[in-house]
């Protein structure tokens, strides 16, 4: 492995860590949004907290999509060295996160009181 392949591999690993940070941030938004929607403390503000929680879950979905788009754009720039495995885990993790955020948003949107 030459120095150029080593630099490409380092860039690829950094790109993968960045995607996982996006996914972690999206799940944090979704979890906090669910908590806000379901555990609003003030009974007068339950509807507002439901809308705010749904909005936060949708922001989590948006963060997931932006992170995946950025990851794919960087993959095309980096050109991973030969022998590097395909990023199937990253695609599966992104799809899973997006699915969780979307289903949670639908659940909250249909159950806002």
N, C-alpha and C. Protein backbone atom coordinates (compact mmCIF):
# COMPACT_ATOMS: atom_id res chain seq x y z
N UNK A 1 0.86 -1.18 0.00
CA UNK A 1 0.00 0.00 0.00
C UNK A 1 0.91 1.23 0.00
N UNK A 2 0.71 2.07 -1.00
CA UNK A 2 1.53 3.28 -1.08
C UNK A 2 0.90 4.42 -0.27
N UNK A 3 1.58 5.55 -0.25
CA UNK A 3 1.14 6.69 0.57
C UNK A 3 -0.19 7.24 0.06
N UNK A 4 -0.40 7.21 -1.26
CA UNK A 4 -1.65 7.73 -1.81
C UNK A 4 -2.84 6.87 -1.39
N UNK A 5 -2.66 5.54 -1.43
CA UNK A 5 -3.73 4.64 -0.98
C UNK A 5 -4.00 4.81 0.51
N UNK A 6 -2.96 5.03 1.28
CA UNK A 6 -3.12 5.24 2.71
C UNK A 6 -3.93 6.52 2.99
N UNK A 7 -3.65 7.57 2.24
CA UNK A 7 -4.39 8.83 2.42
C UNK A 7 -5.85 8.65 2.00
N UNK A 8 -6.09 7.92 0.92
CA UNK A 8 -7.46 7.68 0.47
C UNK A 8 -8.24 6.86 1.51
N UNK A 9 -7.57 5.86 2.07
CA UNK A 9 -8.22 5.04 3.08
C UNK A 9 -8.54 5.87 4.33
N UNK A 10 -7.63 6.73 4.73
CA UNK A 10 -7.87 7.61 5.88
C UNK A 10 -9.06 8.54 5.61
N UNK A 11 -9.12 9.08 4.38
CA UNK A 11 -10.25 9.94 4.02
C UNK A 11 -11.57 9.15 3.99
N UNK A 12 -11.52 7.93 3.50
CA UNK A 12 -12.71 7.08 3.47
C UNK A 12 -13.21 6.78 4.88
N UNK A 13 -12.31 6.46 5.78
CA UNK A 13 -12.71 6.18 7.16
C UNK A 13 -13.27 7.42 7.84
N UNK A 14 -12.68 8.57 7.56
CA UNK A 14 -13.21 9.82 8.12
C UNK A 14 -14.61 10.10 7.58
N UNK A 15 -14.81 9.83 6.30
CA UNK A 15 -16.13 10.02 5.70
C UNK A 15 -17.17 9.10 6.35
N UNK A 16 -16.77 7.86 6.62
CA UNK A 16 -17.69 6.91 7.27
C UNK A 16 -18.03 7.36 8.69
N UNK A 17 -17.05 7.86 9.41
CA UNK A 17 -17.32 8.36 10.77
C UNK A 17 -18.26 9.56 10.72
N UNK A 18 -18.10 10.40 9.71
CA UNK A 18 -18.98 11.56 9.58
C UNK A 18 -20.41 11.13 9.33
N UNK A 19 -20.62 10.14 8.48
CA UNK A 19 -21.98 9.63 8.24
C UNK A 19 -22.58 9.08 9.52
N UNK A 20 -21.80 8.33 10.28
CA UNK A 20 -22.31 7.78 11.53
C UNK A 20 -22.64 8.89 12.53
N UNK A 21 -21.90 9.98 12.49
CA UNK A 21 -22.23 11.13 13.35
C UNK A 21 -23.55 11.76 12.92
N UNK A 22 -23.77 11.85 11.61
CA UNK A 22 -25.06 12.36 11.12
C UNK A 22 -26.20 11.46 11.61
N UNK A 23 -26.01 10.16 11.52
CA UNK A 23 -27.05 9.22 11.94
C UNK A 23 -27.30 9.34 13.44
N UNK A 24 -26.23 9.46 14.21
CA UNK A 24 -26.38 9.61 15.67
C UNK A 24 -27.13 10.90 16.01
N UNK A 25 -26.82 11.97 15.29
CA UNK A 25 -27.52 13.24 15.51
C UNK A 25 -28.99 13.12 15.13
N UNK A 26 -29.28 12.45 14.02
CA UNK A 26 -30.67 12.28 13.59
C UNK A 26 -31.47 11.48 14.61
N UNK A 27 -30.88 10.42 15.13
CA UNK A 27 -31.58 9.62 16.14
C UNK A 27 -31.78 10.41 17.43
N UNK A 28 -30.84 11.28 17.76
CA UNK A 28 -31.02 12.12 18.95
C UNK A 28 -32.17 13.10 18.74
N UNK A 29 -32.26 13.70 17.54
CA UNK A 29 -33.39 14.58 17.24
C UNK A 29 -34.71 13.80 17.33
N UNK A 30 -34.74 12.61 16.76
CA UNK A 30 -35.97 11.82 16.77
C UNK A 30 -36.37 11.44 18.20
N UNK A 31 -35.41 11.01 18.99
CA UNK A 31 -35.72 10.64 20.37
C UNK A 31 -36.18 11.83 21.20
N UNK A 32 -35.52 12.95 21.04
CA UNK A 32 -35.92 14.14 21.77
C UNK A 32 -37.28 14.64 21.29
N UNK A 33 -37.52 14.55 19.99
CA UNK A 33 -38.81 14.94 19.45
C UNK A 33 -39.94 14.08 19.99
N UNK A 34 -39.69 12.77 20.10
CA UNK A 34 -40.69 11.89 20.67
C UNK A 34 -40.97 12.24 22.13
N UNK A 35 -39.90 12.51 22.88
CA UNK A 35 -40.06 12.87 24.29
C UNK A 35 -40.85 14.17 24.43
N UNK A 36 -40.56 15.15 23.59
CA UNK A 36 -41.27 16.42 23.65
C UNK A 36 -42.75 16.21 23.31
N UNK A 37 -43.01 15.41 22.30
CA UNK A 37 -44.40 15.20 21.86
C UNK A 37 -45.21 14.42 22.89
N UNK A 38 -44.62 13.45 23.52
CA UNK A 38 -45.38 12.57 24.41
C UNK A 38 -45.39 13.01 25.86
N UNK A 39 -44.41 13.79 26.28
CA UNK A 39 -44.31 14.13 27.69
C UNK A 39 -44.36 15.63 27.92
N UNK A 40 -45.21 16.33 27.17
CA UNK A 40 -45.39 17.76 27.39
C UNK A 40 -45.89 18.00 28.80
N UNK A 41 -45.23 18.86 29.54
CA UNK A 41 -45.55 19.04 30.95
C UNK A 41 -46.79 19.89 31.19
N UNK A 42 -47.02 20.85 30.34
CA UNK A 42 -48.13 21.77 30.54
C UNK A 42 -49.34 21.28 29.75
N UNK A 43 -50.45 20.96 30.42
CA UNK A 43 -51.63 20.44 29.69
C UNK A 43 -52.17 21.42 28.65
N UNK A 44 -51.98 22.70 28.86
CA UNK A 44 -52.46 23.69 27.90
C UNK A 44 -51.63 23.67 26.62
N UNK A 45 -50.41 23.18 26.72
CA UNK A 45 -49.49 23.21 25.58
C UNK A 45 -49.29 21.84 24.93
N UNK A 46 -50.15 20.88 25.20
CA UNK A 46 -49.96 19.53 24.67
C UNK A 46 -49.97 19.50 23.15
N UNK A 47 -50.86 20.28 22.54
CA UNK A 47 -50.92 20.29 21.08
C UNK A 47 -49.65 20.90 20.49
N UNK A 48 -49.17 21.97 21.09
CA UNK A 48 -47.95 22.62 20.61
C UNK A 48 -46.75 21.69 20.78
N UNK A 49 -46.69 21.01 21.92
CA UNK A 49 -45.57 20.10 22.12
C UNK A 49 -45.65 18.92 21.15
N UNK A 50 -46.84 18.49 20.79
CA UNK A 50 -46.98 17.43 19.78
C UNK A 50 -46.48 17.88 18.42
N UNK A 51 -46.83 19.09 18.04
CA UNK A 51 -46.35 19.63 16.75
C UNK A 51 -44.84 19.84 16.77
N UNK A 52 -44.33 20.36 17.89
CA UNK A 52 -42.89 20.59 18.00
C UNK A 52 -42.13 19.27 17.96
N UNK A 53 -42.66 18.26 18.65
CA UNK A 53 -42.01 16.95 18.63
C UNK A 53 -42.01 16.33 17.24
N UNK A 54 -43.12 16.44 16.54
CA UNK A 54 -43.18 15.93 15.17
C UNK A 54 -42.20 16.66 14.27
N UNK A 55 -42.11 17.97 14.44
CA UNK A 55 -41.15 18.76 13.67
C UNK A 55 -39.72 18.31 13.94
N UNK A 56 -39.40 18.04 15.20
CA UNK A 56 -38.04 17.60 15.53
C UNK A 56 -37.72 16.23 14.92
N UNK A 57 -38.71 15.35 14.88
CA UNK A 57 -38.49 14.05 14.23
C UNK A 57 -38.26 14.24 12.73
N UNK A 58 -39.00 15.15 12.12
CA UNK A 58 -38.79 15.43 10.70
C UNK A 58 -37.43 16.06 10.45
N UNK A 59 -36.96 16.87 11.38
CA UNK A 59 -35.60 17.41 11.26
C UNK A 59 -34.59 16.27 11.32
N UNK A 60 -34.83 15.29 12.18
CA UNK A 60 -33.97 14.11 12.23
C UNK A 60 -33.94 13.37 10.90
N UNK A 61 -35.09 13.25 10.26
CA UNK A 61 -35.16 12.62 8.94
C UNK A 61 -34.37 13.43 7.92
N UNK A 62 -34.50 14.74 7.97
CA UNK A 62 -33.76 15.61 7.06
C UNK A 62 -32.25 15.50 7.29
N UNK A 63 -31.82 15.43 8.54
CA UNK A 63 -30.39 15.28 8.85
C UNK A 63 -29.87 13.96 8.28
N UNK A 64 -30.67 12.90 8.37
CA UNK A 64 -30.27 11.61 7.80
C UNK A 64 -30.06 11.71 6.29
N UNK A 65 -30.99 12.35 5.62
CA UNK A 65 -30.90 12.47 4.16
C UNK A 65 -29.71 13.34 3.75
N UNK A 66 -29.51 14.44 4.45
CA UNK A 66 -28.37 15.31 4.15
C UNK A 66 -27.06 14.58 4.39
N UNK A 67 -26.97 13.85 5.50
CA UNK A 67 -25.75 13.10 5.80
C UNK A 67 -25.44 12.05 4.75
N UNK A 68 -26.47 11.35 4.29
CA UNK A 68 -26.25 10.32 3.27
C UNK A 68 -25.83 10.95 1.94
N UNK A 69 -26.46 12.06 1.58
CA UNK A 69 -26.08 12.74 0.33
C UNK A 69 -24.64 13.23 0.39
N UNK A 70 -24.24 13.77 1.54
CA UNK A 70 -22.87 14.24 1.70
C UNK A 70 -21.90 13.06 1.65
N UNK A 71 -22.26 11.95 2.26
CA UNK A 71 -21.41 10.76 2.25
C UNK A 71 -21.21 10.24 0.83
N UNK A 72 -22.30 10.16 0.07
CA UNK A 72 -22.19 9.67 -1.31
C UNK A 72 -21.37 10.62 -2.18
N UNK A 73 -21.54 11.92 -1.98
CA UNK A 73 -20.77 12.89 -2.76
C UNK A 73 -19.27 12.75 -2.47
N UNK A 74 -18.93 12.55 -1.21
CA UNK A 74 -17.52 12.40 -0.86
C UNK A 74 -16.96 11.08 -1.36
N UNK A 75 -17.79 10.02 -1.40
CA UNK A 75 -17.31 8.74 -1.93
C UNK A 75 -16.89 8.87 -3.39
N UNK A 76 -17.62 9.68 -4.14
CA UNK A 76 -17.27 9.86 -5.55
C UNK A 76 -16.00 10.68 -5.71
N UNK A 77 -15.71 11.56 -4.76
CA UNK A 77 -14.48 12.35 -4.81
C UNK A 77 -13.26 11.56 -4.36
N UNK A 78 -13.45 10.69 -3.37
CA UNK A 78 -12.31 10.00 -2.76
C UNK A 78 -11.76 8.90 -3.66
N UNK A 79 -12.61 8.18 -4.36
CA UNK A 79 -12.22 7.00 -5.13
C UNK A 79 -11.45 6.03 -4.24
N UNK A 80 -12.16 5.21 -3.48
CA UNK A 80 -11.52 4.31 -2.52
C UNK A 80 -10.50 3.38 -3.18
N UNK A 81 -9.43 3.04 -2.47
CA UNK A 81 -8.41 2.14 -3.05
C UNK A 81 -8.98 0.76 -3.33
N UNK A 82 -8.31 0.04 -4.20
CA UNK A 82 -8.75 -1.31 -4.58
C UNK A 82 -8.74 -2.21 -3.35
N UNK A 83 -9.71 -3.09 -3.28
CA UNK A 83 -9.82 -4.03 -2.17
C UNK A 83 -10.63 -3.50 -1.01
N UNK A 84 -11.12 -2.28 -1.11
CA UNK A 84 -11.94 -1.71 -0.05
C UNK A 84 -13.36 -2.25 -0.19
N UNK A 85 -13.96 -2.75 0.90
CA UNK A 85 -15.31 -3.31 0.78
C UNK A 85 -16.34 -2.24 0.44
N UNK A 86 -17.41 -2.68 -0.17
CA UNK A 86 -18.50 -1.76 -0.52
C UNK A 86 -19.18 -1.26 0.75
N UNK A 87 -19.69 -0.04 0.72
CA UNK A 87 -20.30 0.54 1.93
C UNK A 87 -21.74 0.09 2.17
N UNK A 88 -21.98 -1.21 2.14
CA UNK A 88 -23.35 -1.70 2.29
C UNK A 88 -23.88 -1.46 3.70
N UNK A 89 -23.00 -1.52 4.71
CA UNK A 89 -23.45 -1.27 6.08
C UNK A 89 -23.94 0.16 6.23
N UNK A 90 -23.27 1.09 5.59
CA UNK A 90 -23.65 2.49 5.71
C UNK A 90 -24.99 2.76 5.05
N UNK A 91 -25.23 2.11 3.95
CA UNK A 91 -26.53 2.25 3.27
C UNK A 91 -27.63 1.67 4.15
N UNK A 92 -27.37 0.50 4.73
CA UNK A 92 -28.38 -0.14 5.59
C UNK A 92 -28.64 0.70 6.84
N UNK A 93 -27.59 1.26 7.43
CA UNK A 93 -27.76 2.09 8.63
C UNK A 93 -28.55 3.35 8.30
N UNK A 94 -28.29 3.94 7.16
CA UNK A 94 -29.00 5.15 6.76
C UNK A 94 -30.47 4.85 6.48
N UNK A 95 -30.72 3.77 5.78
CA UNK A 95 -32.11 3.39 5.48
C UNK A 95 -32.85 3.08 6.77
N UNK A 96 -32.20 2.38 7.69
CA UNK A 96 -32.83 2.07 8.97
C UNK A 96 -33.17 3.32 9.76
N UNK A 97 -32.24 4.26 9.80
CA UNK A 97 -32.47 5.51 10.53
C UNK A 97 -33.59 6.32 9.87
N UNK A 98 -33.57 6.40 8.56
CA UNK A 98 -34.61 7.15 7.86
C UNK A 98 -35.98 6.49 8.06
N UNK A 99 -36.01 5.18 8.07
CA UNK A 99 -37.27 4.47 8.28
C UNK A 99 -37.81 4.71 9.69
N UNK A 100 -36.93 4.66 10.68
CA UNK A 100 -37.35 4.92 12.06
C UNK A 100 -37.89 6.34 12.19
N UNK A 101 -37.18 7.31 11.63
CA UNK A 101 -37.63 8.71 11.71
C UNK A 101 -38.97 8.90 10.99
N UNK A 102 -39.11 8.30 9.82
CA UNK A 102 -40.35 8.47 9.06
C UNK A 102 -41.54 7.82 9.79
N UNK A 103 -41.35 6.61 10.29
CA UNK A 103 -42.44 5.94 11.01
C UNK A 103 -42.80 6.68 12.30
N UNK A 104 -41.80 7.20 12.98
CA UNK A 104 -42.06 7.96 14.20
C UNK A 104 -42.80 9.25 13.89
N UNK A 105 -42.43 9.90 12.79
CA UNK A 105 -43.13 11.13 12.39
C UNK A 105 -44.58 10.83 12.04
N UNK A 106 -44.82 9.75 11.34
CA UNK A 106 -46.20 9.37 10.99
C UNK A 106 -46.99 9.05 12.26
N UNK A 107 -46.37 8.32 13.16
CA UNK A 107 -47.05 7.98 14.42
C UNK A 107 -47.41 9.24 15.20
N UNK A 108 -46.46 10.14 15.34
CA UNK A 108 -46.73 11.37 16.10
C UNK A 108 -47.76 12.26 15.38
N UNK A 109 -47.69 12.32 14.06
CA UNK A 109 -48.62 13.17 13.32
C UNK A 109 -50.06 12.66 13.43
N UNK A 110 -50.22 11.36 13.51
CA UNK A 110 -51.57 10.81 13.60
C UNK A 110 -52.09 10.78 15.02
N UNK A 111 -51.22 10.95 16.01
CA UNK A 111 -51.65 10.88 17.40
C UNK A 111 -51.49 12.19 18.16
N UNK A 112 -51.33 13.30 17.47
CA UNK A 112 -51.23 14.59 18.15
C UNK A 112 -52.61 14.94 18.69
N UNK A 113 -52.66 15.22 19.98
CA UNK A 113 -53.96 15.53 20.60
C UNK A 113 -54.22 17.02 20.65
